[in-house]
Amino acid sequence: MPEYLKAAQAAEYLGISRTTFWRLRKEYPIKAYFFESVPRFKRSDLDKWAEQFKE
């Protein structure tokens, strides 16, 4: 899996739906890196971001 993931790939990586990913991202922002105007998310950032949702 690449280091930078598109939203659908990020959602799959986290095991959630794309809708849930975008909803959570709106409420709990995560840095997006833009490549050719497409937001991508770094896997290590996703791992840190997802930690806040674990109980």
PDB file of N, CA and C in Angstrom:
ATOM      1  N   MET A   1       0.856  -1.181   0.000  1.00  0.00           N
ATOM      2  CA  MET A   1       0.000   0.000   0.000  1.00  0.00           C
ATOM      3  C   MET A   1       0.899   1.241   0.000  1.00  0.00           C
ATOM      4  N   PRO A   2       0.550   2.254  -0.802  1.00  0.00           N
ATOM      5  CA  PRO A   2       1.391   3.456  -0.882  1.00  0.00           C
ATOM      6  C   PRO A   2       1.404   4.248   0.427  1.00  0.00           C
ATOM      7  N   GLU A   3       2.390   5.107   0.566  1.00  0.00           N
ATOM      8  CA  GLU A   3       2.532   5.934   1.770  1.00  0.00           C
ATOM      9  C   GLU A   3       1.420   6.981   1.870  1.00  0.00           C
ATOM     10  N   TYR A   4       1.017   7.528   0.726  1.00  0.00           N
ATOM     11  CA  TYR A   4      -0.045   8.534   0.691  1.00  0.00           C
ATOM     12  C   TYR A   4      -1.282   7.919   0.052  1.00  0.00           C
ATOM     13  N   LEU A   5      -2.410   7.994   0.764  1.00  0.00           N
ATOM     14  CA  LEU A   5      -3.631   7.321   0.331  1.00  0.00           C
ATOM     15  C   LEU A   5      -4.724   8.316  -0.028  1.00  0.00           C
ATOM     16  N   LYS A   6      -5.486   7.988  -1.065  1.00  0.00           N
ATOM     17  CA  LYS A   6      -6.679   8.765  -1.392  1.00  0.00           C
ATOM     18  C   LYS A   6      -7.721   8.464  -0.318  1.00  0.00           C
ATOM     19  N   ALA A   7      -8.793   9.242  -0.280  1.00  0.00           N
ATOM     20  CA  ALA A   7      -9.811   9.098   0.767  1.00  0.00           C
ATOM     21  C   ALA A   7     -10.386   7.689   0.818  1.00  0.00           C
ATOM     22  N   ALA A   8     -10.719   7.116  -0.327  1.00  0.00           N
ATOM     23  CA  ALA A   8     -11.294   5.765  -0.349  1.00  0.00           C
ATOM     24  C   ALA A   8     -10.288   4.748   0.180  1.00  0.00           C
ATOM     25  N   GLN A   9      -9.025   4.904  -0.187  1.00  0.00           N
ATOM     26  CA  GLN A   9      -7.980   4.001   0.299  1.00  0.00           C
ATOM     27  C   GLN A   9      -7.778   4.186   1.803  1.00  0.00           C
ATOM     28  N   ALA A  10      -7.821   5.432   2.260  1.00  0.00           N
ATOM     29  CA  ALA A  10      -7.654   5.714   3.688  1.00  0.00           C
ATOM     30  C   ALA A  10      -8.778   5.079   4.496  1.00  0.00           C
ATOM     31  N   ALA A  11     -10.000   5.199   4.003  1.00  0.00           N
ATOM     32  CA  ALA A  11     -11.142   4.592   4.690  1.00  0.00           C
ATOM     33  C   ALA A  11     -10.979   3.082   4.759  1.00  0.00           C
ATOM     34  N   GLU A  12     -10.576   2.484   3.649  1.00  0.00           N
ATOM     35  CA  GLU A  12     -10.365   1.030   3.623  1.00  0.00           C
ATOM     36  C   GLU A  12      -9.249   0.639   4.591  1.00  0.00           C
ATOM     37  N   TYR A  13      -8.167   1.389   4.599  1.00  0.00           N
ATOM     38  CA  TYR A  13      -7.035   1.141   5.493  1.00  0.00           C
ATOM     39  C   TYR A  13      -7.482   1.160   6.958  1.00  0.00           C
ATOM     40  N   LEU A  14      -8.399   2.084   7.284  1.00  0.00           N
ATOM     41  CA  LEU A  14      -8.891   2.218   8.658  1.00  0.00           C
ATOM     42  C   LEU A  14     -10.049   1.279   8.974  1.00  0.00           C
ATOM     43  N   GLY A  15     -10.605   0.650   7.947  1.00  0.00           N
ATOM     44  CA  GLY A  15     -11.707  -0.284   8.159  1.00  0.00           C
ATOM     45  C   GLY A  15     -13.047   0.401   8.384  1.00  0.00           C
ATOM     46  N   ILE A  16     -13.217   1.577   7.781  1.00  0.00           N
ATOM     47  CA  ILE A  16     -14.471   2.316   7.900  1.00  0.00           C
ATOM     48  C   ILE A  16     -14.959   2.695   6.503  1.00  0.00           C
ATOM     49  N   SER A  17     -16.204   3.150   6.421  1.00  0.00           N
ATOM     50  CA  SER A  17     -16.747   3.568   5.125  1.00  0.00           C
ATOM     51  C   SER A  17     -16.190   4.942   4.746  1.00  0.00           C
ATOM     52  N   ARG A  18     -16.282   5.264   3.462  1.00  0.00           N
ATOM     53  CA  ARG A  18     -15.837   6.585   3.011  1.00  0.00           C
ATOM     54  C   ARG A  18     -16.662   7.689   3.673  1.00  0.00           C
ATOM     55  N   THR A  19     -17.958   7.448   3.811  1.00  0.00           N
ATOM     56  CA  THR A  19     -18.833   8.440   4.443  1.00  0.00           C
ATOM     57  C   THR A  19     -18.399   8.698   5.883  1.00  0.00           C
ATOM     58  N   THR A  20     -18.123   7.636   6.613  1.00  0.00           N
ATOM     59  CA  THR A  20     -17.665   7.775   7.998  1.00  0.00           C
ATOM     60  C   THR A  20     -16.327   8.498   8.048  1.00  0.00           C
ATOM     61  N   PHE A  21     -15.431   8.161   7.126  1.00  0.00           N
ATOM     62  CA  PHE A  21     -14.127   8.829   7.074  1.00  0.00           C
ATOM     63  C   PHE A  21     -14.304  10.334   6.909  1.00  0.00           C
ATOM     64  N   TRP A  22     -15.131  10.757   5.946  1.00  0.00           N
ATOM     65  CA  TRP A  22     -15.327  12.192   5.707  1.00  0.00           C
ATOM     66  C   TRP A  22     -16.032  12.858   6.879  1.00  0.00           C
ATOM     67  N   ARG A  23     -16.979  12.175   7.496  1.00  0.00           N
ATOM     68  CA  ARG A  23     -17.678  12.742   8.657  1.00  0.00           C
ATOM     69  C   ARG A  23     -16.700  12.957   9.815  1.00  0.00           C
ATOM     70  N   LEU A  24     -15.878  11.945  10.093  1.00  0.00           N
ATOM     71  CA  LEU A  24     -14.900  12.061  11.175  1.00  0.00           C
ATOM     72  C   LEU A  24     -13.850  13.122  10.853  1.00  0.00           C
ATOM     73  N   ARG A  25     -13.439  13.179   9.599  1.00  0.00           N
ATOM     74  CA  ARG A  25     -12.429  14.155   9.201  1.00  0.00           C
ATOM     75  C   ARG A  25     -12.948  15.574   9.383  1.00  0.00           C
ATOM     76  N   LYS A  26     -14.232  15.773   9.126  1.00  0.00           N
ATOM     77  CA  LYS A  26     -14.819  17.104   9.306  1.00  0.00           C
ATOM     78  C   LYS A  26     -14.821  17.497  10.782  1.00  0.00           C
ATOM     79  N   GLU A  27     -15.131  16.534  11.642  1.00  0.00           N
ATOM     80  CA  GLU A  27     -15.199  16.801  13.080  1.00  0.00           C
ATOM     81  C   GLU A  27     -13.818  16.804  13.741  1.00  0.00           C
ATOM     82  N   TYR A  28     -12.933  15.941  13.271  1.00  0.00           N
ATOM     83  CA  TYR A  28     -11.576  15.803  13.814  1.00  0.00           C
ATOM     84  C   TYR A  28     -10.585  15.940  12.657  1.00  0.00           C
ATOM     85  N   PRO A  29     -10.183  17.158  12.320  1.00  0.00           N
ATOM     86  CA  PRO A  29      -9.342  17.376  11.138  1.00  0.00           C
ATOM     87  C   PRO A  29      -8.044  16.569  11.153  1.00  0.00           C
ATOM     88  N   ILE A  30      -7.645  16.160   9.969  1.00  0.00           N
ATOM     89  CA  ILE A  30      -6.370  15.484   9.748  1.00  0.00           C
ATOM     90  C   ILE A  30      -5.723  16.155   8.545  1.00  0.00           C
ATOM     91  N   LYS A  31      -4.426  16.295   8.602  1.00  0.00           N
ATOM     92  CA  LYS A  31      -3.705  16.966   7.513  1.00  0.00           C
ATOM     93  C   LYS A  31      -3.845  16.196   6.209  1.00  0.00           C
ATOM     94  N   ALA A  32      -4.173  16.934   5.156  1.00  0.00           N
ATOM     95  CA  ALA A  32      -4.244  16.360   3.816  1.00  0.00           C
ATOM     96  C   ALA A  32      -3.105  16.948   2.992  1.00  0.00           C
ATOM     97  N   TYR A  33      -2.506  16.116   2.170  1.00  0.00           N
ATOM     98  CA  TYR A  33      -1.460  16.530   1.246  1.00  0.00           C
ATOM     99  C   TYR A  33      -2.076  16.470  -0.143  1.00  0.00           C
ATOM    100  N   PHE A  34      -1.951  17.547  -0.902  1.00  0.00           N
ATOM    101  CA  PHE A  34      -2.601  17.600  -2.210  1.00  0.00           C
ATOM    102  C   PHE A  34      -1.606  17.297  -3.319  1.00  0.00           C
ATOM    103  N   PHE A  35      -1.956  16.309  -4.127  1.00  0.00           N
ATOM    104  CA  PHE A  35      -1.197  15.937  -5.309  1.00  0.00           C
ATOM    105  C   PHE A  35      -2.146  16.087  -6.491  1.00  0.00           C
ATOM    106  N   GLU A  36      -1.833  17.014  -7.388  1.00  0.00           N
ATOM    107  CA  GLU A  36      -2.695  17.287  -8.542  1.00  0.00           C
ATOM    108  C   GLU A  36      -4.132  17.567  -8.095  1.00  0.00           C
ATOM    109  N   SER A  37      -4.283  18.376  -7.082  1.00  0.00           N
ATOM    110  CA  SER A  37      -5.578  18.804  -6.526  1.00  0.00           C
ATOM    111  C   SER A  37      -6.386  17.689  -5.871  1.00  0.00           C
ATOM    112  N   VAL A  38      -5.773  16.548  -5.626  1.00  0.00           N
ATOM    113  CA  VAL A  38      -6.457  15.418  -4.985  1.00  0.00           C
ATOM    114  C   VAL A  38      -5.898  15.266  -3.569  1.00  0.00           C
ATOM    115  N   PRO A  39      -6.776  15.337  -2.544  1.00  0.00           N
ATOM    116  CA  PRO A  39      -6.266  15.173  -1.180  1.00  0.00           C
ATOM    117  C   PRO A  39      -5.818  13.736  -0.925  1.00  0.00           C
ATOM    118  N   ARG A  40      -4.672  13.621  -0.294  1.00  0.00           N
ATOM    119  CA  ARG A  40      -4.152  12.313   0.098  1.00  0.00           C
ATOM    120  C   ARG A  40      -3.725  12.402   1.551  1.00  0.00           C
ATOM    121  N   PHE A  41      -3.706  11.243   2.183  1.00  0.00           N
ATOM    122  CA  PHE A  41      -3.447  11.187   3.614  1.00  0.00           C
ATOM    123  C   PHE A  41      -2.296  10.222   3.880  1.00  0.00           C
ATOM    124  N   LYS A  42      -1.354  10.681   4.683  1.00  0.00           N
ATOM    125  CA  LYS A  42      -0.177   9.883   5.006  1.00  0.00           C
ATOM    126  C   LYS A  42      -0.571   8.776   5.983  1.00  0.00           C
ATOM    127  N   ARG A  43      -0.107   7.553   5.716  1.00  0.00           N
ATOM    128  CA  ARG A  43      -0.484   6.411   6.566  1.00  0.00           C
ATOM    129  C   ARG A  43      -0.116   6.638   8.023  1.00  0.00           C
ATOM    130  N   SER A  44       1.065   7.172   8.285  1.00  0.00           N
ATOM    131  CA  SER A  44       1.472   7.393   9.680  1.00  0.00           C
ATOM    132  C   SER A  44       0.565   8.429  10.356  1.00  0.00           C
ATOM    133  N   ASP A  45       0.114   9.444   9.609  1.00  0.00           N
ATOM    134  CA  ASP A  45      -0.835  10.419  10.159  1.00  0.00           C
ATOM    135  C   ASP A  45      -2.173   9.750  10.451  1.00  0.00           C
ATOM    136  N   LEU A  46      -2.605   8.857   9.572  1.00  0.00           N
ATOM    137  CA  LEU A  46      -3.865   8.135   9.777  1.00  0.00           C
ATOM    138  C   LEU A  46      -3.802   7.270  11.026  1.00  0.00           C
ATOM    139  N   ASP A  47      -2.659   6.614  11.233  1.00  0.00           N
ATOM    140  CA  ASP A  47      -2.494   5.765  12.424  1.00  0.00           C
ATOM    141  C   ASP A  47      -2.632   6.593  13.701  1.00  0.00           C
ATOM    142  N   LYS A  48      -1.961   7.739  13.741  1.00  0.00           N
ATOM    143  CA  LYS A  48      -2.028   8.613  14.918  1.00  0.00           C
ATOM    144  C   LYS A  48      -3.439   9.161  15.100  1.00  0.00           C
ATOM    145  N   TRP A  49      -4.059   9.567  13.996  1.00  0.00           N
ATOM    146  CA  TRP A  49      -5.409  10.132  14.027  1.00  0.00           C
ATOM    147  C   TRP A  49      -6.411   9.113  14.545  1.00  0.00           C
ATOM    148  N   ALA A  50      -6.293   7.858  14.108  1.00  0.00           N
ATOM    149  CA  ALA A  50      -7.237   6.802  14.486  1.00  0.00           C
ATOM    150  C   ALA A  50      -7.114   6.421  15.959  1.00  0.00           C
ATOM    151  N   GLU A  51      -5.973   6.658  16.567  1.00  0.00           N
ATOM    152  CA  GLU A  51      -5.771   6.314  17.982  1.00  0.00           C
ATOM    153  C   GLU A  51      -6.797   6.983  18.889  1.00  0.00           C
ATOM    154  N   GLN A  52      -7.223   8.175  18.537  1.00  0.00           N
ATOM    155  CA  GLN A  52      -8.174   8.897  19.395  1.00  0.00           C
ATOM    156  C   GLN A  52      -9.556   8.255  19.412  1.00  0.00           C
ATOM    157  N   PHE A  53      -9.836   7.362  18.473  1.00  0.00           N
ATOM    158  CA  PHE A  53     -11.147   6.720  18.400  1.00  0.00           C
ATOM    159  C   PHE A  53     -11.175   5.344  19.060  1.00  0.00           C
ATOM    160  N   LYS A  54     -10.010   4.867  19.478  1.00  0.00           N
ATOM    161  CA  LYS A  54      -9.946   3.558  20.138  1.00  0.00           C
ATOM    162  C   LYS A  54     -10.253   3.728  21.613  1.00  0.00           C
ATOM    163  N   GLU A  55     -10.914   2.749  22.159  1.00  0.00           N
ATOM    164  CA  GLU A  55     -11.249   2.804  23.585  1.00  0.00           C
ATOM    165  C   GLU A  55     -10.221   2.071  24.412  1.00  0.00           C
TER     166      GLU A  55
END
